[in-house]
PDB file of N, CA and C in Angstrom:
ATOM      1  N   UNK A   1     -13.222 106.805 218.780  1.00  0.00           N
ATOM      2  CA  UNK A   1     -13.643 105.641 219.543  1.00  0.00           C
ATOM      3  C   UNK A   1     -14.750 104.921 218.780  1.00  0.00           C
ATOM      4  N   UNK A   2     -14.722 103.638 218.813  1.00  0.00           N
ATOM      5  CA  UNK A   2     -15.732 102.831 218.128  1.00  0.00           C
ATOM      6  C   UNK A   2     -17.083 102.993 218.818  1.00  0.00           C
ATOM      7  N   UNK A   3     -18.132 102.656 218.101  1.00  0.00           N
ATOM      8  CA  UNK A   3     -19.475 102.794 218.656  1.00  0.00           C
ATOM      9  C   UNK A   3     -19.758 101.710 219.688  1.00  0.00           C
ATOM     10  N   UNK A   4     -20.670 102.026 220.564  1.00  0.00           N
ATOM     11  CA  UNK A   4     -21.084 101.107 221.617  1.00  0.00           C
ATOM     12  C   UNK A   4     -21.972 100.027 221.008  1.00  0.00           C
ATOM     13  N   UNK A   5     -21.804  98.781 221.440  1.00  0.00           N
ATOM     14  CA  UNK A   5     -22.703  97.710 221.004  1.00  0.00           C
ATOM     15  C   UNK A   5     -23.880  97.694 221.966  1.00  0.00           C
ATOM     16  N   UNK A   6     -25.059  97.945 221.439  1.00  0.00           N
ATOM     17  CA  UNK A   6     -26.242  98.021 222.293  1.00  0.00           C
ATOM     18  C   UNK A   6     -26.625  96.631 222.789  1.00  0.00           C
ATOM     19  N   UNK A   7     -27.284  96.569 223.947  1.00  0.00           N
ATOM     20  CA  UNK A   7     -27.765  95.276 224.436  1.00  0.00           C
ATOM     21  C   UNK A   7     -28.672  94.585 223.419  1.00  0.00           C
ATOM     22  N   UNK A   8     -29.493  95.363 222.709  1.00  0.00           N
ATOM     23  CA  UNK A   8     -30.399  94.790 221.711  1.00  0.00           C
ATOM     24  C   UNK A   8     -29.626  94.153 220.557  1.00  0.00           C
ATOM     25  N   UNK A   9     -28.569  94.818 220.119  1.00  0.00           N
ATOM     26  CA  UNK A   9     -27.735  94.278 219.039  1.00  0.00           C
ATOM     27  C   UNK A   9     -27.046  92.985 219.472  1.00  0.00           C
ATOM     28  N   UNK A  10     -26.529  92.978 220.687  1.00  0.00           N
ATOM     29  CA  UNK A  10     -25.841  91.785 221.194  1.00  0.00           C
ATOM     30  C   UNK A  10     -26.817  90.621 221.311  1.00  0.00           C
ATOM     31  N   UNK A  11     -28.016  90.876 221.827  1.00  0.00           N
ATOM     32  CA  UNK A  11     -29.023  89.817 221.948  1.00  0.00           C
ATOM     33  C   UNK A  11     -29.446  89.322 220.569  1.00  0.00           C
ATOM     34  N   UNK A  12     -29.660  90.228 219.630  1.00  0.00           N
ATOM     35  CA  UNK A  12     -30.125  89.839 218.293  1.00  0.00           C
ATOM     36  C   UNK A  12     -29.092  89.011 217.539  1.00  0.00           C
ATOM     37  N   UNK A  13     -27.815  89.353 217.682  1.00  0.00           N
ATOM     38  CA  UNK A  13     -26.766  88.653 216.931  1.00  0.00           C
ATOM     39  C   UNK A  13     -26.094  87.547 217.736  1.00  0.00           C
ATOM     40  N   UNK A  14     -26.300  87.581 219.056  1.00  0.00           N
ATOM     41  CA  UNK A  14     -25.656  86.640 219.986  1.00  0.00           C
ATOM     42  C   UNK A  14     -24.139  86.690 219.884  1.00  0.00           C
ATOM     43  N   UNK A  15     -23.628  87.862 219.573  1.00  0.00           N
ATOM     44  CA  UNK A  15     -22.180  88.027 219.482  1.00  0.00           C
ATOM     45  C   UNK A  15     -21.779  89.431 219.908  1.00  0.00           C
ATOM     46  N   UNK A  16     -20.526  89.542 220.329  1.00  0.00           N
ATOM     47  CA  UNK A  16     -19.968  90.808 220.764  1.00  0.00           C
ATOM     48  C   UNK A  16     -18.505  90.831 220.335  1.00  0.00           C
ATOM     49  N   UNK A  17     -17.980  92.008 220.079  1.00  0.00           N
ATOM     50  CA  UNK A  17     -16.570  92.082 219.689  1.00  0.00           C
ATOM     51  C   UNK A  17     -15.692  92.114 220.936  1.00  0.00           C
ATOM     52  N   UNK A  18     -14.491  91.588 220.798  1.00  0.00           N
ATOM     53  CA  UNK A  18     -13.532  91.602 221.906  1.00  0.00           C
ATOM     54  C   UNK A  18     -13.242  93.041 222.320  1.00  0.00           C
ATOM     55  N   UNK A  19     -13.126  93.920 221.341  1.00  0.00           N
ATOM     56  CA  UNK A  19     -12.858  95.323 221.647  1.00  0.00           C
ATOM     57  C   UNK A  19     -13.957  95.964 222.469  1.00  0.00           C
ATOM     58  N   UNK A  20     -15.203  95.660 222.147  1.00  0.00           N
ATOM     59  CA  UNK A  20     -16.327  96.215 222.906  1.00  0.00           C
ATOM     60  C   UNK A  20     -16.276  95.751 224.357  1.00  0.00           C
ATOM     61  N   UNK A  21     -15.912  94.494 224.571  1.00  0.00           N
ATOM     62  CA  UNK A  21     -15.789  93.961 225.934  1.00  0.00           C
ATOM     63  C   UNK A  21     -14.661  94.676 226.670  1.00  0.00           C
ATOM     64  N   UNK A  22     -13.494  94.747 226.052  1.00  0.00           N
ATOM     65  CA  UNK A  22     -12.313  95.311 226.708  1.00  0.00           C
ATOM     66  C   UNK A  22     -12.411  96.814 226.940  1.00  0.00           C
ATOM     67  N   UNK A  23     -13.146  97.505 226.093  1.00  0.00           N
ATOM     68  CA  UNK A  23     -13.254  98.959 226.200  1.00  0.00           C
ATOM     69  C   UNK A  23     -14.527  99.404 226.910  1.00  0.00           C
ATOM     70  N   UNK A  24     -15.282  98.465 227.477  1.00  0.00           N
ATOM     71  CA  UNK A  24     -16.485  98.805 228.223  1.00  0.00           C
ATOM     72  C   UNK A  24     -17.629  99.305 227.363  1.00  0.00           C
ATOM     73  N   UNK A  25     -17.673  98.888 226.092  1.00  0.00           N
ATOM     74  CA  UNK A  25     -18.721  99.337 225.174  1.00  0.00           C
ATOM     75  C   UNK A  25     -19.813  98.296 224.982  1.00  0.00           C
ATOM     76  N   UNK A  26     -19.795  97.231 225.778  1.00  0.00           N
ATOM     77  CA  UNK A  26     -20.792  96.160 225.646  1.00  0.00           C
ATOM     78  C   UNK A  26     -21.469  95.936 226.993  1.00  0.00           C
ATOM     79  N   UNK A  27     -22.773  95.987 226.994  1.00  0.00           N
ATOM     80  CA  UNK A  27     -23.555  95.762 228.210  1.00  0.00           C
ATOM     81  C   UNK A  27     -24.225  94.397 228.096  1.00  0.00           C
ATOM     82  N   UNK A  28     -23.753  93.441 228.890  1.00  0.00           N
ATOM     83  CA  UNK A  28     -24.298  92.078 228.842  1.00  0.00           C
ATOM     84  C   UNK A  28     -25.280  91.793 229.979  1.00  0.00           C
ATOM     85  N   UNK A  29     -25.646  92.802 230.742  1.00  0.00           N
ATOM     86  CA  UNK A  29     -26.554  92.569 231.875  1.00  0.00           C
ATOM     87  C   UNK A  29     -27.904  92.022 231.448  1.00  0.00           C
ATOM     88  N   UNK A  30     -28.341  92.359 230.247  1.00  0.00           N
ATOM     89  CA  UNK A  30     -29.655  91.908 229.787  1.00  0.00           C
ATOM     90  C   UNK A  30     -29.568  90.758 228.793  1.00  0.00           C
ATOM     91  N   UNK A  31     -28.378  90.204 228.632  1.00  0.00           N
ATOM     92  CA  UNK A  31     -28.190  89.078 227.712  1.00  0.00           C
ATOM     93  C   UNK A  31     -28.683  87.820 228.420  1.00  0.00           C
ATOM     94  N   UNK A  32     -29.771  87.226 227.937  1.00  0.00           N
ATOM     95  CA  UNK A  32     -30.415  86.123 228.650  1.00  0.00           C
ATOM     96  C   UNK A  32     -30.080  84.739 228.094  1.00  0.00           C
ATOM     97  N   UNK A  33     -29.328  84.675 227.015  1.00  0.00           N
ATOM     98  CA  UNK A  33     -28.957  83.368 226.468  1.00  0.00           C
ATOM     99  C   UNK A  33     -27.787  82.779 227.249  1.00  0.00           C
ATOM    100  N   UNK A  34     -27.624  81.481 227.145  1.00  0.00           N
ATOM    101  CA  UNK A  34     -26.552  80.806 227.880  1.00  0.00           C
ATOM    102  C   UNK A  34     -25.217  80.858 227.139  1.00  0.00           C
ATOM    103  N   UNK A  35     -25.231  80.952 225.820  1.00  0.00           N
ATOM    104  CA  UNK A  35     -24.004  80.962 225.020  1.00  0.00           C
ATOM    105  C   UNK A  35     -23.829  82.311 224.319  1.00  0.00           C
ATOM    106  N   UNK A  36     -22.566  82.682 224.116  1.00  0.00           N
ATOM    107  CA  UNK A  36     -22.230  83.961 223.508  1.00  0.00           C
ATOM    108  C   UNK A  36     -20.987  83.787 222.645  1.00  0.00           C
ATOM    109  N   UNK A  37     -20.984  84.387 221.468  1.00  0.00           N
ATOM    110  CA  UNK A  37     -19.796  84.393 220.608  1.00  0.00           C
ATOM    111  C   UNK A  37     -19.069  85.718 220.802  1.00  0.00           C
ATOM    112  N   UNK A  38     -17.755  85.623 221.006  1.00  0.00           N
ATOM    113  CA  UNK A  38     -16.908  86.811 221.106  1.00  0.00           C
ATOM    114  C   UNK A  38     -15.991  86.799 219.896  1.00  0.00           C
ATOM    115  N   UNK A  39     -16.019  87.871 219.107  1.00  0.00           N
ATOM    116  CA  UNK A  39     -15.250  87.939 217.864  1.00  0.00           C
ATOM    117  C   UNK A  39     -14.000  88.784 218.038  1.00  0.00           C
ATOM    118  N   UNK A  40     -12.894  88.290 217.501  1.00  0.00           N
ATOM    119  CA  UNK A  40     -11.649  89.060 217.532  1.00  0.00           C
ATOM    120  C   UNK A  40     -11.797  90.281 216.643  1.00  0.00           C
ATOM    121  N   UNK A  41     -10.992  91.300 216.928  1.00  0.00           N
ATOM    122  CA  UNK A  41     -11.093  92.517 216.130  1.00  0.00           C
ATOM    123  C   UNK A  41      -9.749  93.164 215.835  1.00  0.00           C
ATOM    124  N   UNK A  42      -8.661  92.487 216.119  1.00  0.00           N
ATOM    125  CA  UNK A  42      -7.344  93.037 215.803  1.00  0.00           C
ATOM    126  C   UNK A  42      -7.024  92.866 214.332  1.00  0.00           C
ATOM    127  N   UNK A  43      -5.980  93.521 213.889  1.00  0.00           N
ATOM    128  CA  UNK A  43      -5.605  93.441 212.482  1.00  0.00           C
ATOM    129  C   UNK A  43      -4.440  92.495 212.227  1.00  0.00           C
ATOM    130  N   UNK A  44      -3.660  92.198 213.248  1.00  0.00           N
ATOM    131  CA  UNK A  44      -2.496  91.320 213.112  1.00  0.00           C
ATOM    132  C   UNK A  44      -2.738  90.077 213.959  1.00  0.00           C
ATOM    133  N   UNK A  45      -2.346  88.915 213.456  1.00  0.00           N
ATOM    134  CA  UNK A  45      -2.650  87.646 214.126  1.00  0.00           C
ATOM    135  C   UNK A  45      -2.331  87.639 215.625  1.00  0.00           C
ATOM    136  N   UNK A  46      -1.130  87.965 216.071  1.00  0.00           N
ATOM    137  CA  UNK A  46      -0.892  87.915 217.521  1.00  0.00           C
ATOM    138  C   UNK A  46      -1.800  88.869 218.297  1.00  0.00           C
ATOM    139  N   UNK A  47      -2.080  90.032 217.704  1.00  0.00           N
ATOM    140  CA  UNK A  47      -2.953  91.001 218.361  1.00  0.00           C
ATOM    141  C   UNK A  47      -4.383  90.473 218.455  1.00  0.00           C
ATOM    142  N   UNK A  48      -4.871  89.851 217.404  1.00  0.00           N
ATOM    143  CA  UNK A  48      -6.238  89.299 217.420  1.00  0.00           C
ATOM    144  C   UNK A  48      -6.392  88.291 218.540  1.00  0.00           C
ATOM    145  N   UNK A  49      -5.460  87.354 218.625  1.00  0.00           N
ATOM    146  CA  UNK A  49      -5.543  86.315 219.649  1.00  0.00           C
ATOM    147  C   UNK A  49      -5.407  86.912 221.042  1.00  0.00           C
ATOM    148  N   UNK A  50      -4.465  87.817 221.221  1.00  0.00           N
ATOM    149  CA  UNK A  50      -4.248  88.424 222.539  1.00  0.00           C
ATOM    150  C   UNK A  50      -5.488  89.175 223.016  1.00  0.00           C
ATOM    151  N   UNK A  51      -6.100  89.960 222.142  1.00  0.00           N
ATOM    152  CA  UNK A  51      -7.300  90.710 222.535  1.00  0.00           C
ATOM    153  C   UNK A  51      -8.483  89.785 222.799  1.00  0.00           C
ATOM    154  N   UNK A  52      -8.603  88.741 222.008  1.00  0.00           N
ATOM    155  CA  UNK A  52      -9.702  87.799 222.207  1.00  0.00           C
ATOM    156  C   UNK A  52      -9.555  87.078 223.543  1.00  0.00           C
ATOM    157  N   UNK A  53      -8.355  86.599 223.836  1.00  0.00           N
ATOM    158  CA  UNK A  53      -8.131  85.906 225.109  1.00  0.00           C
ATOM    159  C   UNK A  53      -8.313  86.869 226.282  1.00  0.00           C
ATOM    160  N   UNK A  54      -7.888  88.105 226.139  1.00  0.00           N
ATOM    161  CA  UNK A  54      -8.097  89.095 227.200  1.00  0.00           C
ATOM    162  C   UNK A  54      -9.587  89.317 227.453  1.00  0.00           C
ATOM    163  N   UNK A  55     -10.387  89.360 226.388  1.00  0.00           N
ATOM    164  CA  UNK A  55     -11.839  89.525 226.541  1.00  0.00           C
ATOM    165  C   UNK A  55     -12.452  88.304 227.218  1.00  0.00           C
ATOM    166  N   UNK A  56     -11.991  87.111 226.845  1.00  0.00           N
ATOM    167  CA  UNK A  56     -12.481  85.877 227.478  1.00  0.00           C
ATOM    168  C   UNK A  56     -12.146  85.893 228.967  1.00  0.00           C
ATOM    169  N   UNK A  57     -10.922  86.277 229.308  1.00  0.00           N
ATOM    170  CA  UNK A  57     -10.530  86.335 230.719  1.00  0.00           C
ATOM    171  C   UNK A  57     -11.341  87.382 231.476  1.00  0.00           C
ATOM    172  N   UNK A  58     -11.620  88.504 230.844  1.00  0.00           N
ATOM    173  CA  UNK A  58     -12.435  89.539 231.476  1.00  0.00           C
ATOM    174  C   UNK A  58     -13.841  89.005 231.772  1.00  0.00           C
ATOM    175  N   UNK A  59     -14.438  88.334 230.797  1.00  0.00           N
ATOM    176  CA  UNK A  59     -15.795  87.811 230.981  1.00  0.00           C
ATOM    177  C   UNK A  59     -15.841  86.651 231.969  1.00  0.00           C
ATOM    178  N   UNK A  60     -14.729  85.959 232.151  1.00  0.00           N
ATOM    179  CA  UNK A  60     -14.666  84.879 233.138  1.00  0.00           C
ATOM    180  C   UNK A  60     -15.013  85.404 234.539  1.00  0.00           C
ATOM    181  N   UNK A  61     -14.613  86.613 234.825  1.00  0.00           N
ATOM    182  CA  UNK A  61     -14.909  87.217 236.127  1.00  0.00           C
ATOM    183  C   UNK A  61     -16.401  87.476 236.320  1.00  0.00           C
ATOM    184  N   UNK A  62     -17.162  87.444 235.230  1.00  0.00           N
ATOM    185  CA  UNK A  62     -18.604  87.682 235.287  1.00  0.00           C
ATOM    186  C   UNK A  62     -19.420  86.416 235.047  1.00  0.00           C
ATOM    187  N   UNK A  63     -18.779  85.258 235.197  1.00  0.00           N
ATOM    188  CA  UNK A  63     -19.508  84.001 235.120  1.00  0.00           C
ATOM    189  C   UNK A  63     -19.536  83.320 233.771  1.00  0.00           C
ATOM    190  N   UNK A  64     -18.697  83.749 232.834  1.00  0.00           N
ATOM    191  CA  UNK A  64     -18.641  83.124 231.509  1.00  0.00           C
ATOM    192  C   UNK A  64     -17.409  82.243 231.421  1.00  0.00           C
ATOM    193  N   UNK A  65     -17.541  81.075 230.775  1.00  0.00           N
ATOM    194  CA  UNK A  65     -16.394  80.189 230.589  1.00  0.00           C
ATOM    195  C   UNK A  65     -16.233  79.844 229.116  1.00  0.00           C
ATOM    196  N   UNK A  66     -14.983  79.664 228.712  1.00  0.00           N
ATOM    197  CA  UNK A  66     -14.663  79.350 227.324  1.00  0.00           C
ATOM    198  C   UNK A  66     -15.082  77.925 226.994  1.00  0.00           C
ATOM    199  N   UNK A  67     -15.807  77.758 225.896  1.00  0.00           N
ATOM    200  CA  UNK A  67     -16.194  76.437 225.403  1.00  0.00           C
ATOM    201  C   UNK A  67     -15.241  76.013 224.294  1.00  0.00           C
ATOM    202  N   UNK A  68     -15.033  76.901 223.320  1.00  0.00           N
ATOM    203  CA  UNK A  68     -14.141  76.583 222.202  1.00  0.00           C
ATOM    204  C   UNK A  68     -13.661  77.867 221.538  1.00  0.00           C
ATOM    205  N   UNK A  69     -12.583  77.728 220.794  1.00  0.00           N
ATOM    206  CA  UNK A  69     -11.996  78.832 220.049  1.00  0.00           C
ATOM    207  C   UNK A  69     -11.710  78.325 218.650  1.00  0.00           C
ATOM    208  N   UNK A  70     -12.142  79.076 217.623  1.00  0.00           N
ATOM    209  CA  UNK A  70     -11.906  78.614 216.252  1.00  0.00           C
ATOM    210  C   UNK A  70     -11.830  79.800 215.298  1.00  0.00           C
ATOM    211  N   UNK A  71     -11.272  79.570 214.103  1.00  0.00           N
ATOM    212  CA  UNK A  71     -11.269  80.636 213.096  1.00  0.00           C
ATOM    213  C   UNK A  71     -12.662  80.765 212.484  1.00  0.00           C
ATOM    214  N   UNK A  72     -12.972  81.951 211.982  1.00  0.00           N
ATOM    215  CA  UNK A  72     -14.234  82.131 211.266  1.00  0.00           C
ATOM    216  C   UNK A  72     -14.142  81.418 209.924  1.00  0.00           C
ATOM    217  N   UNK A  73     -15.255  81.324 209.235  1.00  0.00           N
ATOM    218  CA  UNK A  73     -15.270  80.599 207.962  1.00  0.00           C
ATOM    219  C   UNK A  73     -14.368  81.237 206.918  1.00  0.00           C
ATOM    220  N   UNK A  74     -14.172  82.549 206.991  1.00  0.00           N
ATOM    221  CA  UNK A  74     -13.266  83.197 206.035  1.00  0.00           C
ATOM    222  C   UNK A  74     -11.838  83.325 206.581  1.00  0.00           C
ATOM    223  N   UNK A  75     -11.603  82.822 207.793  1.00  0.00           N
ATOM    224  CA  UNK A  75     -10.289  82.788 208.449  1.00  0.00           C
ATOM    225  C   UNK A  75      -9.710  84.176 208.727  1.00  0.00           C
ATOM    226  N   UNK A  76     -10.534  85.214 208.661  1.00  0.00           N
ATOM    227  CA  UNK A  76     -10.037  86.559 208.964  1.00  0.00           C
ATOM    228  C   UNK A  76     -10.217  86.924 210.428  1.00  0.00           C
ATOM    229  N   UNK A  77     -11.034  86.174 211.127  1.00  0.00           N
ATOM    230  CA  UNK A  77     -11.308  86.446 212.539  1.00  0.00           C
ATOM    231  C   UNK A  77     -11.201  85.161 213.332  1.00  0.00           C
ATOM    232  N   UNK A  78     -11.037  85.327 214.628  1.00  0.00           N
ATOM    233  CA  UNK A  78     -11.130  84.207 215.551  1.00  0.00           C
ATOM    234  C   UNK A  78     -12.424  84.380 216.330  1.00  0.00           C
ATOM    235  N   UNK A  79     -13.034  83.265 216.684  1.00  0.00           N
ATOM    236  CA  UNK A  79     -14.296  83.299 217.418  1.00  0.00           C
ATOM    237  C   UNK A  79     -14.153  82.450 218.668  1.00  0.00           C
ATOM    238  N   UNK A  80     -14.511  83.022 219.801  1.00  0.00           N
ATOM    239  CA  UNK A  80     -14.555  82.283 221.059  1.00  0.00           C
ATOM    240  C   UNK A  80     -16.024  82.090 221.414  1.00  0.00           C
ATOM    241  N   UNK A  81     -16.394  80.862 221.709  1.00  0.00           N
ATOM    242  CA  UNK A  81     -17.750  80.576 222.170  1.00  0.00           C
ATOM    243  C   UNK A  81     -17.674  80.413 223.682  1.00  0.00           C
ATOM    244  N   UNK A  82     -18.491  81.180 224.376  1.00  0.00           N
ATOM    245  CA  UNK A  82     -18.518  81.139 225.828  1.00  0.00           C
ATOM    246  C   UNK A  82     -19.871  80.636 226.308  1.00  0.00           C
ATOM    247  N   UNK A  83     -19.863  80.063 227.502  1.00  0.00           N
ATOM    248  CA  UNK A  83     -21.093  79.581 228.138  1.00  0.00           C
ATOM    249  C   UNK A  83     -21.166  80.218 229.521  1.00  0.00           C
ATOM    250  N   UNK A  84     -22.363  80.661 229.866  1.00  0.00           N
ATOM    251  CA  UNK A  84     -22.570  81.215 231.208  1.00  0.00           C
ATOM    252  C   UNK A  84     -22.599  80.065 232.207  1.00  0.00           C
ATOM    253  N   UNK A  85     -21.812  80.185 233.253  1.00  0.00           N
ATOM    254  CA  UNK A  85     -21.783  79.142 234.282  1.00  0.00           C
ATOM    255  C   UNK A  85     -23.101  79.121 235.043  1.00  0.00           C
ATOM    256  N   UNK A  86     -23.522  77.923 235.418  1.00  0.00           N
ATOM    257  CA  UNK A  86     -24.736  77.772 236.219  1.00  0.00           C
ATOM    258  C   UNK A  86     -24.458  78.261 237.632  1.00  0.00           C
ATOM    259  N   UNK A  87     -25.451  78.855 238.231  1.00  0.00           N
ATOM    260  CA  UNK A  87     -25.292  79.358 239.588  1.00  0.00           C
ATOM    261  C   UNK A  87     -25.607  78.303 240.637  1.00  0.00           C
ATOM    262  N   UNK A  88     -26.117  77.160 240.202  1.00  0.00           N
ATOM    263  CA  UNK A  88     -26.552  76.138 241.148  1.00  0.00           C
ATOM    264  C   UNK A  88     -25.575  75.161 241.550  1.00  0.00           C
TER     265      UNK A  88
END
């Protein structure tokens, strides 16, 4: 099993892997920023997109909404930028 992404690591990098979200290895309770990057982690293109979208849908239930989806600069990963919905 992959290592857990600590809250401190997520806050410092402002990013989390899709796998960490889907496998319950990411704790976002202490993440105080409004925007978050979710990085794909699959090895095959359809798998990368499917896991990333599944992570986005999972986080939607916790008040996060998708802003944009794009390839990384080296095109090996996909990145979803999410924004925390306002409670007001």
